[in-house]
Amino acid sequence: MSGDMELYDLRVTVDSIAGRPVCGLSVGDYVELTNSSQLRLPPGGHFCIYALAAVLPLLPAKQRRLPDSDWLERDSLVACPDPEERLIMRITRTARRSMRSSDLT
């Protein structure tokens, strides 16, 4: 059965670390958001909860196609709140899924 809406799967990747890497993340580490609400880590991976907290509010908007003029459609970088770490994450759309909203609410 086809869906009545489309959502993107997302990957949040550590893009750069310009300060002290105290949380144990390295450039290239990632977490994925799939099937609307499922967070997945690679086997044996981890992701800092404070970095994740910084990016979580943006993910529902990045799951949807936004107008080209919307800043969130163009921007994909998010900073971790730790000022000494200076960790930057990149949100990337990885796949588009057709979903039924009745299955999600």
N, C-alpha and C. Protein backbone atom coordinates (compact mmCIF):
# COMPACT_ATOMS: atom_id res chain seq x y z
N MET A 1 0.84 -1.18 0.00
CA MET A 1 0.00 0.00 0.00
C MET A 1 0.89 1.24 0.00
N SER A 2 0.59 2.21 -0.86
CA SER A 2 1.42 3.40 -0.95
C SER A 2 1.11 4.35 0.20
N GLY A 3 2.08 5.21 0.48
CA GLY A 3 1.93 6.14 1.58
C GLY A 3 1.30 7.45 1.15
N ASP A 4 0.93 8.24 2.14
CA ASP A 4 0.35 9.55 1.87
C ASP A 4 1.35 10.68 2.17
N MET A 5 2.59 10.29 2.53
CA MET A 5 3.62 11.29 2.79
C MET A 5 4.99 10.68 2.54
N GLU A 6 5.98 11.55 2.39
CA GLU A 6 7.35 11.09 2.20
C GLU A 6 8.23 11.70 3.28
N LEU A 7 9.12 10.87 3.83
CA LEU A 7 10.10 11.32 4.81
C LEU A 7 11.48 10.82 4.39
N TYR A 8 12.48 11.60 4.70
CA TYR A 8 13.86 11.20 4.44
C TYR A 8 14.43 10.47 5.64
N ASP A 9 15.24 9.45 5.38
CA ASP A 9 16.13 8.91 6.38
C ASP A 9 17.31 9.86 6.47
N LEU A 10 17.91 9.98 7.63
CA LEU A 10 18.99 10.93 7.84
C LEU A 10 20.21 10.26 8.46
N ARG A 11 21.35 10.83 8.19
CA ARG A 11 22.59 10.44 8.87
C ARG A 11 23.21 11.70 9.45
N VAL A 12 23.56 11.64 10.72
CA VAL A 12 24.26 12.73 11.40
C VAL A 12 25.70 12.26 11.59
N THR A 13 26.64 12.94 10.94
CA THR A 13 28.04 12.53 10.93
C THR A 13 28.90 13.61 11.57
N VAL A 14 29.87 13.20 12.36
CA VAL A 14 30.85 14.15 12.88
C VAL A 14 31.69 14.62 11.70
N ASP A 15 31.59 15.92 11.40
CA ASP A 15 32.26 16.51 10.24
C ASP A 15 33.65 17.02 10.60
N SER A 16 33.78 17.61 11.78
CA SER A 16 35.09 18.12 12.19
C SER A 16 35.13 18.29 13.71
N ILE A 17 36.34 18.24 14.24
CA ILE A 17 36.59 18.52 15.65
C ILE A 17 37.81 19.43 15.69
N ALA A 18 37.62 20.67 16.12
CA ALA A 18 38.72 21.64 16.11
C ALA A 18 39.30 21.88 17.50
N GLY A 19 38.75 21.22 18.50
CA GLY A 19 39.24 21.42 19.87
C GLY A 19 39.59 20.10 20.51
N ARG A 20 39.40 20.03 21.82
CA ARG A 20 39.69 18.81 22.58
C ARG A 20 38.58 17.79 22.38
N PRO A 21 38.85 16.62 21.83
CA PRO A 21 37.81 15.60 21.64
C PRO A 21 37.58 14.81 22.93
N VAL A 22 36.77 15.37 23.83
CA VAL A 22 36.58 14.76 25.15
C VAL A 22 35.45 13.74 25.20
N CYS A 23 34.56 13.73 24.23
CA CYS A 23 33.40 12.82 24.31
C CYS A 23 33.67 11.46 23.67
N GLY A 24 34.84 11.28 23.09
CA GLY A 24 35.16 9.99 22.50
C GLY A 24 34.74 9.84 21.06
N LEU A 25 34.15 10.88 20.46
CA LEU A 25 33.79 10.81 19.05
C LEU A 25 34.99 11.16 18.18
N SER A 26 34.97 10.66 16.96
CA SER A 26 35.99 10.97 15.95
C SER A 26 35.30 11.43 14.69
N VAL A 27 36.03 12.15 13.86
CA VAL A 27 35.49 12.54 12.56
C VAL A 27 35.05 11.28 11.82
N GLY A 28 33.85 11.31 11.27
CA GLY A 28 33.29 10.15 10.55
C GLY A 28 32.31 9.34 11.38
N ASP A 29 32.34 9.46 12.71
CA ASP A 29 31.35 8.75 13.53
C ASP A 29 29.96 9.26 13.18
N TYR A 30 28.96 8.39 13.29
CA TYR A 30 27.62 8.79 12.87
C TYR A 30 26.54 8.05 13.64
N VAL A 31 25.33 8.60 13.52
CA VAL A 31 24.10 7.97 13.98
C VAL A 31 23.09 8.17 12.84
N GLU A 32 22.21 7.19 12.63
CA GLU A 32 21.21 7.30 11.56
C GLU A 32 19.81 7.34 12.14
N LEU A 33 18.95 8.10 11.50
CA LEU A 33 17.53 8.16 11.81
C LEU A 33 16.79 7.54 10.63
N THR A 34 16.09 6.43 10.87
CA THR A 34 15.39 5.73 9.80
C THR A 34 13.94 5.48 10.21
N ASN A 35 13.11 5.18 9.22
CA ASN A 35 11.71 4.83 9.46
C ASN A 35 11.00 5.82 10.37
N SER A 36 11.26 7.08 10.16
CA SER A 36 10.62 8.18 10.87
C SER A 36 11.18 8.45 12.25
N SER A 37 11.49 7.40 13.04
CA SER A 37 11.82 7.65 14.44
C SER A 37 12.86 6.70 15.05
N GLN A 38 13.50 5.89 14.24
CA GLN A 38 14.42 4.89 14.79
C GLN A 38 15.87 5.35 14.66
N LEU A 39 16.55 5.50 15.81
CA LEU A 39 17.96 5.85 15.81
C LEU A 39 18.79 4.58 15.75
N ARG A 40 19.80 4.59 14.91
CA ARG A 40 20.67 3.42 14.74
C ARG A 40 22.13 3.86 14.77
N LEU A 41 22.93 3.08 15.48
CA LEU A 41 24.37 3.27 15.52
C LEU A 41 25.02 2.12 14.78
N PRO A 42 26.21 2.35 14.20
CA PRO A 42 26.91 1.21 13.61
C PRO A 42 27.33 0.24 14.72
N PRO A 43 27.55 -1.02 14.40
CA PRO A 43 27.94 -1.99 15.42
C PRO A 43 29.16 -1.49 16.20
N GLY A 44 29.04 -1.50 17.53
CA GLY A 44 30.13 -1.07 18.38
C GLY A 44 30.28 0.43 18.49
N GLY A 45 29.42 1.18 17.81
CA GLY A 45 29.52 2.63 17.82
C GLY A 45 28.84 3.26 19.01
N HIS A 46 29.13 4.52 19.23
CA HIS A 46 28.44 5.30 20.24
C HIS A 46 28.29 6.73 19.71
N PHE A 47 27.48 7.51 20.38
CA PHE A 47 27.32 8.93 20.02
C PHE A 47 27.05 9.69 21.30
N CYS A 48 27.71 10.81 21.48
CA CYS A 48 27.59 11.62 22.68
C CYS A 48 26.16 12.17 22.82
N ILE A 49 25.55 12.01 24.00
CA ILE A 49 24.17 12.47 24.18
C ILE A 49 24.06 13.98 24.10
N TYR A 50 25.11 14.73 24.44
CA TYR A 50 25.05 16.18 24.38
C TYR A 50 25.11 16.68 22.93
N ALA A 51 25.92 16.04 22.12
CA ALA A 51 25.95 16.35 20.70
C ALA A 51 24.61 15.98 20.07
N LEU A 52 24.09 14.83 20.44
CA LEU A 52 22.80 14.38 19.92
C LEU A 52 21.68 15.35 20.33
N ALA A 53 21.73 15.84 21.56
CA ALA A 53 20.71 16.78 22.03
C ALA A 53 20.71 18.07 21.20
N ALA A 54 21.87 18.47 20.71
CA ALA A 54 21.96 19.69 19.90
C ALA A 54 21.32 19.51 18.53
N VAL A 55 21.38 18.31 17.99
CA VAL A 55 20.89 18.07 16.64
C VAL A 55 19.44 17.57 16.60
N LEU A 56 18.96 16.95 17.66
CA LEU A 56 17.61 16.36 17.67
C LEU A 56 16.49 17.33 17.26
N PRO A 57 16.46 18.56 17.74
CA PRO A 57 15.34 19.44 17.35
C PRO A 57 15.25 19.74 15.85
N LEU A 58 16.35 19.58 15.14
CA LEU A 58 16.36 19.88 13.70
C LEU A 58 15.94 18.71 12.83
N LEU A 59 16.01 17.50 13.36
CA LEU A 59 15.79 16.31 12.53
C LEU A 59 14.38 16.20 11.94
N PRO A 60 13.29 16.49 12.69
CA PRO A 60 11.98 16.38 12.05
C PRO A 60 11.81 17.28 10.83
N ALA A 61 12.41 18.47 10.88
CA ALA A 61 12.32 19.35 9.71
C ALA A 61 13.17 18.83 8.56
N LYS A 62 14.36 18.31 8.85
CA LYS A 62 15.23 17.79 7.80
C LYS A 62 14.66 16.52 7.17
N GLN A 63 13.73 15.84 7.84
CA GLN A 63 13.10 14.65 7.27
C GLN A 63 12.13 15.01 6.15
N ARG A 64 11.75 16.26 6.06
CA ARG A 64 10.75 16.69 5.09
C ARG A 64 11.38 17.59 4.04
N ARG A 65 10.82 17.58 2.85
CA ARG A 65 11.25 18.52 1.80
C ARG A 65 10.72 19.89 2.18
N LEU A 66 11.60 20.86 2.22
CA LEU A 66 11.25 22.22 2.58
C LEU A 66 11.39 23.12 1.36
N PRO A 67 10.79 24.29 1.38
CA PRO A 67 10.97 25.22 0.26
C PRO A 67 12.45 25.56 0.08
N ASP A 68 12.88 25.76 -1.15
CA ASP A 68 14.28 26.08 -1.43
C ASP A 68 14.75 27.31 -0.67
N SER A 69 13.85 28.23 -0.37
CA SER A 69 14.22 29.45 0.33
C SER A 69 14.36 29.27 1.84
N ASP A 70 13.97 28.12 2.37
CA ASP A 70 14.06 27.87 3.80
C ASP A 70 15.52 27.62 4.19
N TRP A 71 15.98 28.28 5.24
CA TRP A 71 17.39 28.13 5.65
C TRP A 71 17.74 26.69 6.00
N LEU A 72 16.79 25.95 6.53
CA LEU A 72 17.08 24.58 6.93
C LEU A 72 17.18 23.63 5.74
N GLU A 73 16.62 24.02 4.61
CA GLU A 73 16.79 23.22 3.40
C GLU A 73 18.23 23.35 2.88
N ARG A 74 18.82 24.51 3.09
CA ARG A 74 20.18 24.78 2.58
C ARG A 74 21.27 24.42 3.58
N ASP A 75 21.02 24.61 4.86
CA ASP A 75 22.05 24.40 5.88
C ASP A 75 21.97 22.99 6.45
N SER A 76 23.13 22.43 6.74
CA SER A 76 23.14 21.07 7.28
C SER A 76 24.15 20.88 8.40
N LEU A 77 24.81 21.94 8.85
CA LEU A 77 25.82 21.82 9.89
C LEU A 77 25.25 22.23 11.25
N VAL A 78 25.64 21.49 12.28
CA VAL A 78 25.18 21.75 13.65
C VAL A 78 26.38 21.65 14.57
N ALA A 79 26.48 22.58 15.51
CA ALA A 79 27.59 22.58 16.47
C ALA A 79 27.20 21.89 17.76
N CYS A 80 28.11 21.12 18.31
CA CYS A 80 27.95 20.55 19.64
C CYS A 80 28.01 21.69 20.65
N PRO A 81 27.29 21.60 21.76
CA PRO A 81 27.28 22.70 22.72
C PRO A 81 28.57 22.85 23.53
N ASP A 82 29.50 21.90 23.49
CA ASP A 82 30.74 22.01 24.25
C ASP A 82 31.69 22.98 23.53
N PRO A 83 31.91 24.18 24.09
CA PRO A 83 32.71 25.18 23.38
C PRO A 83 34.19 24.79 23.24
N GLU A 84 34.70 23.95 24.12
CA GLU A 84 36.12 23.57 24.02
C GLU A 84 36.35 22.46 23.00
N GLU A 85 35.30 21.71 22.69
CA GLU A 85 35.45 20.62 21.73
C GLU A 85 35.36 21.12 20.30
N ARG A 86 34.47 22.08 20.06
CA ARG A 86 34.25 22.66 18.72
C ARG A 86 34.00 21.55 17.69
N LEU A 87 33.06 20.67 18.04
CA LEU A 87 32.66 19.56 17.19
C LEU A 87 31.51 20.01 16.30
N ILE A 88 31.63 19.74 15.01
CA ILE A 88 30.60 20.10 14.03
C ILE A 88 30.06 18.81 13.42
N MET A 89 28.73 18.72 13.36
CA MET A 89 28.05 17.57 12.76
C MET A 89 27.36 18.00 11.46
N ARG A 90 27.24 17.07 10.55
CA ARG A 90 26.55 17.31 9.27
C ARG A 90 25.34 16.39 9.18
N ILE A 91 24.18 16.95 8.85
CA ILE A 91 22.96 16.17 8.63
C ILE A 91 22.84 15.91 7.13
N THR A 92 22.75 14.64 6.75
CA THR A 92 22.65 14.25 5.35
C THR A 92 21.41 13.40 5.15
N ARG A 93 20.68 13.69 4.09
CA ARG A 93 19.54 12.84 3.72
C ARG A 93 20.08 11.63 2.97
N THR A 94 19.67 10.43 3.40
CA THR A 94 20.23 9.22 2.80
C THR A 94 19.24 8.45 1.94
N ALA A 95 17.97 8.54 2.22
CA ALA A 95 16.94 7.83 1.43
C ALA A 95 15.61 8.54 1.65
N ARG A 96 14.70 8.35 0.72
CA ARG A 96 13.35 8.91 0.87
C ARG A 96 12.37 7.75 0.93
N ARG A 97 11.50 7.80 1.92
CA ARG A 97 10.53 6.72 2.12
C ARG A 97 9.11 7.25 1.96
N SER A 98 8.30 6.45 1.32
CA SER A 98 6.87 6.71 1.28
C SER A 98 6.25 6.03 2.49
N MET A 99 5.53 6.80 3.30
CA MET A 99 4.98 6.26 4.54
C MET A 99 3.52 6.67 4.68
N ARG A 100 2.81 5.89 5.48
CA ARG A 100 1.42 6.24 5.79
C ARG A 100 1.39 6.95 7.13
N SER A 101 0.83 8.13 7.17
CA SER A 101 0.78 8.89 8.41
C SER A 101 -0.03 8.15 9.48
N SER A 102 -1.00 7.37 9.08
CA SER A 102 -1.80 6.63 10.06
C SER A 102 -0.97 5.58 10.79
N ASP A 103 0.14 5.14 10.20
CA ASP A 103 1.03 4.18 10.86
C ASP A 103 1.93 4.85 11.89
N LEU A 104 2.01 6.18 11.85
CA LEU A 104 2.95 6.90 12.68
C LEU A 104 2.29 7.67 13.81
N THR A 105 0.99 7.87 13.75
CA THR A 105 0.33 8.67 14.78
C THR A 105 -0.73 7.88 15.49
